[in-house]
Amino acid sequence: MEHYGNKNIVYKRLKAARKKARISQGDLAAKMQTMNVNIDQQMISRIERNQRVVTDYEVICFAKALNLNALWLLSGYEDMLQ
């Protein structure tokens, strides 16, 4: 499913937040797996390149893993941090 050519709306902010936190895609995948999210480095790469759909559960877990506000991740509004 695509919306205006996008598979997801978090890809830019997810990549920026991950880089700011100095966490590799592999390390982020490992953090996600500790929250029972079945995701690997290649999937995160596809999300960050806007080539994979992201579920609501994954958005919440990305926010927790990176200590972000989920609203910021989704929309850029509110504070970046939780």
PDB file of N, CA and C in Angstrom:
ATOM      1  N   MET A   1       0.839  -1.178   0.000  1.00  0.00           N
ATOM      2  CA  MET A   1       0.000   0.000   0.000  1.00  0.00           C
ATOM      3  C   MET A   1       0.888   1.247   0.000  1.00  0.00           C
ATOM      4  N   GLU A   2       0.528   2.200  -0.812  1.00  0.00           N
ATOM      5  CA  GLU A   2       1.279   3.451  -0.894  1.00  0.00           C
ATOM      6  C   GLU A   2       0.342   4.635  -0.799  1.00  0.00           C
ATOM      7  N   HIS A   3       0.871   5.724  -0.279  1.00  0.00           N
ATOM      8  CA  HIS A   3       0.132   6.971  -0.193  1.00  0.00           C
ATOM      9  C   HIS A   3       1.036   8.056  -0.759  1.00  0.00           C
ATOM     10  N   TYR A   4       0.652   8.591  -1.902  1.00  0.00           N
ATOM     11  CA  TYR A   4       1.469   9.588  -2.594  1.00  0.00           C
ATOM     12  C   TYR A   4       2.896   9.082  -2.824  1.00  0.00           C
ATOM     13  N   GLY A   5       3.017   7.802  -3.139  1.00  0.00           N
ATOM     14  CA  GLY A   5       4.325   7.217  -3.425  1.00  0.00           C
ATOM     15  C   GLY A   5       5.118   6.814  -2.204  1.00  0.00           C
ATOM     16  N   ASN A   6       4.558   7.001  -1.020  1.00  0.00           N
ATOM     17  CA  ASN A   6       5.265   6.653   0.212  1.00  0.00           C
ATOM     18  C   ASN A   6       4.744   5.347   0.788  1.00  0.00           C
ATOM     19  N   LYS A   7       5.659   4.517   1.257  1.00  0.00           N
ATOM     20  CA  LYS A   7       5.286   3.299   1.964  1.00  0.00           C
ATOM     21  C   LYS A   7       5.073   3.595   3.446  1.00  0.00           C
ATOM     22  N   ASN A   8       5.724   4.632   3.964  1.00  0.00           N
ATOM     23  CA  ASN A   8       5.553   5.034   5.365  1.00  0.00           C
ATOM     24  C   ASN A   8       5.877   6.513   5.498  1.00  0.00           C
ATOM     25  N   ILE A   9       5.513   7.085   6.635  1.00  0.00           N
ATOM     26  CA  ILE A   9       5.780   8.517   6.838  1.00  0.00           C
ATOM     27  C   ILE A   9       6.865   8.774   7.888  1.00  0.00           C
ATOM     28  N   VAL A  10       7.433   7.709   8.435  1.00  0.00           N
ATOM     29  CA  VAL A  10       8.415   7.888   9.509  1.00  0.00           C
ATOM     30  C   VAL A  10       9.858   7.774   9.024  1.00  0.00           C
ATOM     31  N   TYR A  11      10.059   7.422   7.779  1.00  0.00           N
ATOM     32  CA  TYR A  11      11.401   7.052   7.335  1.00  0.00           C
ATOM     33  C   TYR A  11      12.460   8.135   7.560  1.00  0.00           C
ATOM     34  N   LYS A  12      12.153   9.385   7.259  1.00  0.00           N
ATOM     35  CA  LYS A  12      13.146  10.457   7.425  1.00  0.00           C
ATOM     36  C   LYS A  12      13.465  10.694   8.901  1.00  0.00           C
ATOM     37  N   ARG A  13      12.433  10.779   9.721  1.00  0.00           N
ATOM     38  CA  ARG A  13      12.642  11.058  11.140  1.00  0.00           C
ATOM     39  C   ARG A  13      13.294   9.869  11.857  1.00  0.00           C
ATOM     40  N   LEU A  14      12.911   8.657  11.457  1.00  0.00           N
ATOM     41  CA  LEU A  14      13.522   7.474  12.073  1.00  0.00           C
ATOM     42  C   LEU A  14      15.018   7.457  11.796  1.00  0.00           C
ATOM     43  N   LYS A  15      15.396   7.665  10.561  1.00  0.00           N
ATOM     44  CA  LYS A  15      16.817   7.661  10.201  1.00  0.00           C
ATOM     45  C   LYS A  15      17.568   8.778  10.919  1.00  0.00           C
ATOM     46  N   ALA A  16      17.001   9.973  10.943  1.00  0.00           N
ATOM     47  CA  ALA A  16      17.655  11.108  11.601  1.00  0.00           C
ATOM     48  C   ALA A  16      17.825  10.849  13.098  1.00  0.00           C
ATOM     49  N   ALA A  17      16.792  10.322  13.740  1.00  0.00           N
ATOM     50  CA  ALA A  17      16.861  10.061  15.181  1.00  0.00           C
ATOM     51  C   ALA A  17      17.850   8.946  15.487  1.00  0.00           C
ATOM     52  N   ARG A  18      17.872   7.921  14.657  1.00  0.00           N
ATOM     53  CA  ARG A  18      18.808   6.809  14.871  1.00  0.00           C
ATOM     54  C   ARG A  18      20.246   7.301  14.731  1.00  0.00           C
ATOM     55  N   LYS A  19      20.502   8.113  13.719  1.00  0.00           N
ATOM     56  CA  LYS A  19      21.859   8.640  13.519  1.00  0.00           C
ATOM     57  C   LYS A  19      22.255   9.585  14.648  1.00  0.00           C
ATOM     58  N   LYS A  20      21.312  10.412  15.085  1.00  0.00           N
ATOM     59  CA  LYS A  20      21.604  11.328  16.189  1.00  0.00           C
ATOM     60  C   LYS A  20      21.958  10.557  17.458  1.00  0.00           C
ATOM     61  N   ALA A  21      21.291   9.419  17.660  1.00  0.00           N
ATOM     62  CA  ALA A  21      21.556   8.575  18.832  1.00  0.00           C
ATOM     63  C   ALA A  21      22.807   7.714  18.640  1.00  0.00           C
ATOM     64  N   ARG A  22      23.373   7.765  17.432  1.00  0.00           N
ATOM     65  CA  ARG A  22      24.573   6.980  17.103  1.00  0.00           C
ATOM     66  C   ARG A  22      24.341   5.478  17.317  1.00  0.00           C
ATOM     67  N   ILE A  23      23.201   5.021  16.816  1.00  0.00           N
ATOM     68  CA  ILE A  23      22.834   3.612  16.909  1.00  0.00           C
ATOM     69  C   ILE A  23      22.778   3.053  15.490  1.00  0.00           C
ATOM     70  N   SER A  24      23.423   1.926  15.272  1.00  0.00           N
ATOM     71  CA  SER A  24      23.387   1.306  13.946  1.00  0.00           C
ATOM     72  C   SER A  24      22.017   0.671  13.702  1.00  0.00           C
ATOM     73  N   GLN A  25      21.739   0.388  12.459  1.00  0.00           N
ATOM     74  CA  GLN A  25      20.496  -0.296  12.132  1.00  0.00           C
ATOM     75  C   GLN A  25      20.436  -1.657  12.817  1.00  0.00           C
ATOM     76  N   GLY A  26      21.557  -2.353  12.872  1.00  0.00           N
ATOM     77  CA  GLY A  26      21.614  -3.653  13.545  1.00  0.00           C
ATOM     78  C   GLY A  26      21.331  -3.547  15.030  1.00  0.00           C
ATOM     79  N   ASP A  27      21.887  -2.518  15.671  1.00  0.00           N
ATOM     80  CA  ASP A  27      21.636  -2.313  17.096  1.00  0.00           C
ATOM     81  C   ASP A  27      20.176  -1.948  17.357  1.00  0.00           C
ATOM     82  N   LEU A  28      19.598  -1.150  16.465  1.00  0.00           N
ATOM     83  CA  LEU A  28      18.190  -0.803  16.616  1.00  0.00           C
ATOM     84  C   LEU A  28      17.323  -2.051  16.448  1.00  0.00           C
ATOM     85  N   ALA A  29      17.671  -2.889  15.488  1.00  0.00           N
ATOM     86  CA  ALA A  29      16.929  -4.140  15.296  1.00  0.00           C
ATOM     87  C   ALA A  29      17.001  -5.005  16.551  1.00  0.00           C
ATOM     88  N   ALA A  30      18.179  -5.069  17.177  1.00  0.00           N
ATOM     89  CA  ALA A  30      18.338  -5.854  18.404  1.00  0.00           C
ATOM     90  C   ALA A  30      17.461  -5.293  19.522  1.00  0.00           C
ATOM     91  N   LYS A  31      17.404  -3.960  19.644  1.00  0.00           N
ATOM     92  CA  LYS A  31      16.533  -3.344  20.653  1.00  0.00           C
ATOM     93  C   LYS A  31      15.071  -3.680  20.384  1.00  0.00           C
ATOM     94  N   MET A  32      14.692  -3.639  19.123  1.00  0.00           N
ATOM     95  CA  MET A  32      13.314  -3.957  18.758  1.00  0.00           C
ATOM     96  C   MET A  32      12.987  -5.413  19.093  1.00  0.00           C
ATOM     97  N   GLN A  33      13.933  -6.292  18.866  1.00  0.00           N
ATOM     98  CA  GLN A  33      13.714  -7.708  19.140  1.00  0.00           C
ATOM     99  C   GLN A  33      13.524  -7.969  20.629  1.00  0.00           C
ATOM    100  N   THR A  34      14.133  -7.150  21.484  1.00  0.00           N
ATOM    101  CA  THR A  34      13.912  -7.312  22.926  1.00  0.00           C
ATOM    102  C   THR A  34      12.492  -6.928  23.316  1.00  0.00           C
ATOM    103  N   MET A  35      11.796  -6.204  22.417  1.00  0.00           N
ATOM    104  CA  MET A  35      10.391  -5.839  22.645  1.00  0.00           C
ATOM    105  C   MET A  35       9.454  -6.753  21.850  1.00  0.00           C
ATOM    106  N   ASN A  36       9.990  -7.901  21.439  1.00  0.00           N
ATOM    107  CA  ASN A  36       9.226  -8.907  20.690  1.00  0.00           C
ATOM    108  C   ASN A  36       8.745  -8.419  19.329  1.00  0.00           C
ATOM    109  N   VAL A  37       9.514  -7.541  18.712  1.00  0.00           N
ATOM    110  CA  VAL A  37       9.219  -7.095  17.347  1.00  0.00           C
ATOM    111  C   VAL A  37      10.186  -7.836  16.431  1.00  0.00           C
ATOM    112  N   ASN A  38       9.630  -8.631  15.531  1.00  0.00           N
ATOM    113  CA  ASN A  38      10.440  -9.434  14.619  1.00  0.00           C
ATOM    114  C   ASN A  38      10.902  -8.560  13.455  1.00  0.00           C
ATOM    115  N   ILE A  39      12.075  -7.955  13.615  1.00  0.00           N
ATOM    116  CA  ILE A  39      12.611  -7.041  12.607  1.00  0.00           C
ATOM    117  C   ILE A  39      14.124  -7.198  12.589  1.00  0.00           C
ATOM    118  N   ASP A  40      14.713  -7.083  11.413  1.00  0.00           N
ATOM    119  CA  ASP A  40      16.164  -7.199  11.304  1.00  0.00           C
ATOM    120  C   ASP A  40      16.740  -5.941  10.638  1.00  0.00           C
ATOM    121  N   GLN A  41      18.050  -5.916  10.495  1.00  0.00           N
ATOM    122  CA  GLN A  41      18.734  -4.745   9.953  1.00  0.00           C
ATOM    123  C   GLN A  41      18.247  -4.414   8.550  1.00  0.00           C
ATOM    124  N   GLN A  42      18.038  -5.436   7.721  1.00  0.00           N
ATOM    125  CA  GLN A  42      17.591  -5.192   6.351  1.00  0.00           C
ATOM    126  C   GLN A  42      16.204  -4.549   6.322  1.00  0.00           C
ATOM    127  N   MET A  43      15.334  -4.955   7.234  1.00  0.00           N
ATOM    128  CA  MET A  43      13.993  -4.357   7.298  1.00  0.00           C
ATOM    129  C   MET A  43      14.072  -2.893   7.695  1.00  0.00           C
ATOM    130  N   ILE A  44      14.937  -2.576   8.657  1.00  0.00           N
ATOM    131  CA  ILE A  44      15.105  -1.175   9.060  1.00  0.00           C
ATOM    132  C   ILE A  44      15.674  -0.360   7.902  1.00  0.00           C
ATOM    133  N   SER A  45      16.602  -0.927   7.175  1.00  0.00           N
ATOM    134  CA  SER A  45      17.141  -0.247   5.998  1.00  0.00           C
ATOM    135  C   SER A  45      16.031   0.052   4.990  1.00  0.00           C
ATOM    136  N   ARG A  46      15.152  -0.905   4.748  1.00  0.00           N
ATOM    137  CA  ARG A  46      14.046  -0.699   3.810  1.00  0.00           C
ATOM    138  C   ARG A  46      13.069   0.361   4.328  1.00  0.00           C
ATOM    139  N   ILE A  47      12.834   0.389   5.651  1.00  0.00           N
ATOM    140  CA  ILE A  47      11.965   1.425   6.226  1.00  0.00           C
ATOM    141  C   ILE A  47      12.593   2.796   6.001  1.00  0.00           C
ATOM    142  N   GLU A  48      13.879   2.923   6.295  1.00  0.00           N
ATOM    143  CA  GLU A  48      14.569   4.204   6.168  1.00  0.00           C
ATOM    144  C   GLU A  48      14.693   4.660   4.716  1.00  0.00           C
ATOM    145  N   ARG A  49      14.558   3.750   3.774  1.00  0.00           N
ATOM    146  CA  ARG A  49      14.571   4.106   2.355  1.00  0.00           C
ATOM    147  C   ARG A  49      13.153   4.228   1.803  1.00  0.00           C
ATOM    148  N   ASN A  50      12.157   4.195   2.697  1.00  0.00           N
ATOM    149  CA  ASN A  50      10.758   4.352   2.317  1.00  0.00           C
ATOM    150  C   ASN A  50      10.301   3.239   1.376  1.00  0.00           C
ATOM    151  N   GLN A  51      10.789   2.028   1.632  1.00  0.00           N
ATOM    152  CA  GLN A  51      10.454   0.887   0.787  1.00  0.00           C
ATOM    153  C   GLN A  51       9.658  -0.186   1.537  1.00  0.00           C
ATOM    154  N   ARG A  52       9.302   0.079   2.783  1.00  0.00           N
ATOM    155  CA  ARG A  52       8.564  -0.897   3.583  1.00  0.00           C
ATOM    156  C   ARG A  52       7.528  -0.191   4.431  1.00  0.00           C
ATOM    157  N   VAL A  53       6.365  -0.805   4.532  1.00  0.00           N
ATOM    158  CA  VAL A  53       5.297  -0.307   5.397  1.00  0.00           C
ATOM    159  C   VAL A  53       5.715  -0.522   6.853  1.00  0.00           C
ATOM    160  N   VAL A  54       5.300   0.398   7.727  1.00  0.00           N
ATOM    161  CA  VAL A  54       5.583   0.302   9.164  1.00  0.00           C
ATOM    162  C   VAL A  54       4.254   0.178   9.901  1.00  0.00           C
ATOM    163  N   THR A  55       4.166  -0.788  10.802  1.00  0.00           N
ATOM    164  CA  THR A  55       2.935  -0.958  11.570  1.00  0.00           C
ATOM    165  C   THR A  55       2.897   0.020  12.739  1.00  0.00           C
ATOM    166  N   ASP A  56       1.716   0.228  13.281  1.00  0.00           N
ATOM    167  CA  ASP A  56       1.584   1.115  14.437  1.00  0.00           C
ATOM    168  C   ASP A  56       2.392   0.587  15.620  1.00  0.00           C
ATOM    169  N   TYR A  57       2.394  -0.711  15.801  1.00  0.00           N
ATOM    170  CA  TYR A  57       3.164  -1.317  16.895  1.00  0.00           C
ATOM    171  C   TYR A  57       4.654  -1.041  16.717  1.00  0.00           C
ATOM    172  N   GLU A  58       5.148  -1.133  15.485  1.00  0.00           N
ATOM    173  CA  GLU A  58       6.560  -0.856  15.233  1.00  0.00           C
ATOM    174  C   GLU A  58       6.890   0.602  15.517  1.00  0.00           C
ATOM    175  N   VAL A  59       6.001   1.516  15.162  1.00  0.00           N
ATOM    176  CA  VAL A  59       6.231   2.938  15.428  1.00  0.00           C
ATOM    177  C   VAL A  59       6.404   3.168  16.926  1.00  0.00           C
ATOM    178  N   ILE A  60       5.509   2.602  17.725  1.00  0.00           N
ATOM    179  CA  ILE A  60       5.589   2.763  19.179  1.00  0.00           C
ATOM    180  C   ILE A  60       6.896   2.186  19.708  1.00  0.00           C
ATOM    181  N   CYS A  61       7.275   1.021  19.224  1.00  0.00           N
ATOM    182  CA  CYS A  61       8.508   0.392  19.698  1.00  0.00           C
ATOM    183  C   CYS A  61       9.754   1.137  19.224  1.00  0.00           C
ATOM    184  N   PHE A  62       9.740   1.681  17.998  1.00  0.00           N
ATOM    185  CA  PHE A  62      10.857   2.529  17.552  1.00  0.00           C
ATOM    186  C   PHE A  62      10.995   3.725  18.481  1.00  0.00           C
ATOM    187  N   ALA A  63       9.875   4.338  18.819  1.00  0.00           N
ATOM    188  CA  ALA A  63       9.906   5.498  19.714  1.00  0.00           C
ATOM    189  C   ALA A  63      10.499   5.115  21.069  1.00  0.00           C
ATOM    190  N   LYS A  64      10.085   3.987  21.606  1.00  0.00           N
ATOM    191  CA  LYS A  64      10.632   3.542  22.896  1.00  0.00           C
ATOM    192  C   LYS A  64      12.119   3.229  22.782  1.00  0.00           C
ATOM    193  N   ALA A  65      12.504   2.533  21.725  1.00  0.00           N
ATOM    194  CA  ALA A  65      13.902   2.128  21.548  1.00  0.00           C
ATOM    195  C   ALA A  65      14.831   3.328  21.413  1.00  0.00           C
ATOM    196  N   LEU A  66      14.332   4.407  20.814  1.00  0.00           N
ATOM    197  CA  LEU A  66      15.154   5.598  20.579  1.00  0.00           C
ATOM    198  C   LEU A  66      14.843   6.736  21.550  1.00  0.00           C
ATOM    199  N   ASN A  67      13.996   6.455  22.539  1.00  0.00           N
ATOM    200  CA  ASN A  67      13.598   7.450  23.532  1.00  0.00           C
ATOM    201  C   ASN A  67      12.993   8.683  22.855  1.00  0.00           C
ATOM    202  N   LEU A  68      12.054   8.413  21.935  1.00  0.00           N
ATOM    203  CA  LEU A  68      11.399   9.478  21.183  1.00  0.00           C
ATOM    204  C   LEU A  68       9.940   9.592  21.563  1.00  0.00           C
ATOM    205  N   ASN A  69       9.369  10.727  21.240  1.00  0.00           N
ATOM    206  CA  ASN A  69       7.938  10.911  21.320  1.00  0.00           C
ATOM    207  C   ASN A  69       7.351  10.339  20.027  1.00  0.00           C
ATOM    208  N   ALA A  70       6.430   9.387  20.141  1.00  0.00           N
ATOM    209  CA  ALA A  70       5.855   8.744  18.958  1.00  0.00           C
ATOM    210  C   ALA A  70       5.153   9.749  18.044  1.00  0.00           C
ATOM    211  N   LEU A  71       4.537  10.793  18.621  1.00  0.00           N
ATOM    212  CA  LEU A  71       3.902  11.823  17.789  1.00  0.00           C
ATOM    213  C   LEU A  71       4.931  12.548  16.928  1.00  0.00           C
ATOM    214  N   TRP A  72       6.093  12.797  17.494  1.00  0.00           N
ATOM    215  CA  TRP A  72       7.143  13.433  16.712  1.00  0.00           C
ATOM    216  C   TRP A  72       7.561  12.520  15.561  1.00  0.00           C
ATOM    217  N   LEU A  73       7.717  11.255  15.857  1.00  0.00           N
ATOM    218  CA  LEU A  73       8.126  10.305  14.835  1.00  0.00           C
ATOM    219  C   LEU A  73       7.101  10.252  13.699  1.00  0.00           C
ATOM    220  N   LEU A  74       5.832  10.320  14.045  1.00  0.00           N
ATOM    221  CA  LEU A  74       4.770  10.263  13.040  1.00  0.00           C
ATOM    222  C   LEU A  74       4.540  11.575  12.303  1.00  0.00           C
ATOM    223  N   SER A  75       4.707  12.694  13.008  1.00  0.00           N
ATOM    224  CA  SER A  75       4.281  13.955  12.406  1.00  0.00           C
ATOM    225  C   SER A  75       5.284  15.090  12.494  1.00  0.00           C
ATOM    226  N   GLY A  76       6.250  14.963  13.365  1.00  0.00           N
ATOM    227  CA  GLY A  76       7.190  16.064  13.557  1.00  0.00           C
ATOM    228  C   GLY A  76       6.692  17.079  14.563  1.00  0.00           C
ATOM    229  N   TYR A  77       5.478  16.888  15.059  1.00  0.00           N
ATOM    230  CA  TYR A  77       4.940  17.799  16.055  1.00  0.00           C
ATOM    231  C   TYR A  77       5.268  17.293  17.451  1.00  0.00           C
ATOM    232  N   GLU A  78       5.136  18.153  18.416  1.00  0.00           N
ATOM    233  CA  GLU A  78       5.441  17.853  19.819  1.00  0.00           C
ATOM    234  C   GLU A  78       6.957  17.789  19.985  1.00  0.00           C
ATOM    235  N   ASP A  79       7.409  17.489  21.167  1.00  0.00           N
ATOM    236  CA  ASP A  79       8.825  17.372  21.434  1.00  0.00           C
ATOM    237  C   ASP A  79       9.363  16.068  20.852  1.00  0.00           C
ATOM    238  N   MET A  80      10.626  16.097  20.484  1.00  0.00           N
ATOM    239  CA  MET A  80      11.258  14.905  19.929  1.00  0.00           C
ATOM    240  C   MET A  80      11.354  13.811  20.978  1.00  0.00           C
ATOM    241  N   LEU A  81      11.715  14.183  22.208  1.00  0.00           N
ATOM    242  CA  LEU A  81      11.904  13.197  23.256  1.00  0.00           C
ATOM    243  C   LEU A  81      10.598  12.881  23.936  1.00  0.00           C
ATOM    244  N   GLN A  82      10.557  11.699  24.541  1.00  0.00           N
ATOM    245  CA  GLN A  82       9.355  11.272  25.262  1.00  0.00           C
ATOM    246  C   GLN A  82       9.080  12.182  26.431  1.00  0.00           C
TER     247      GLN A  82
END
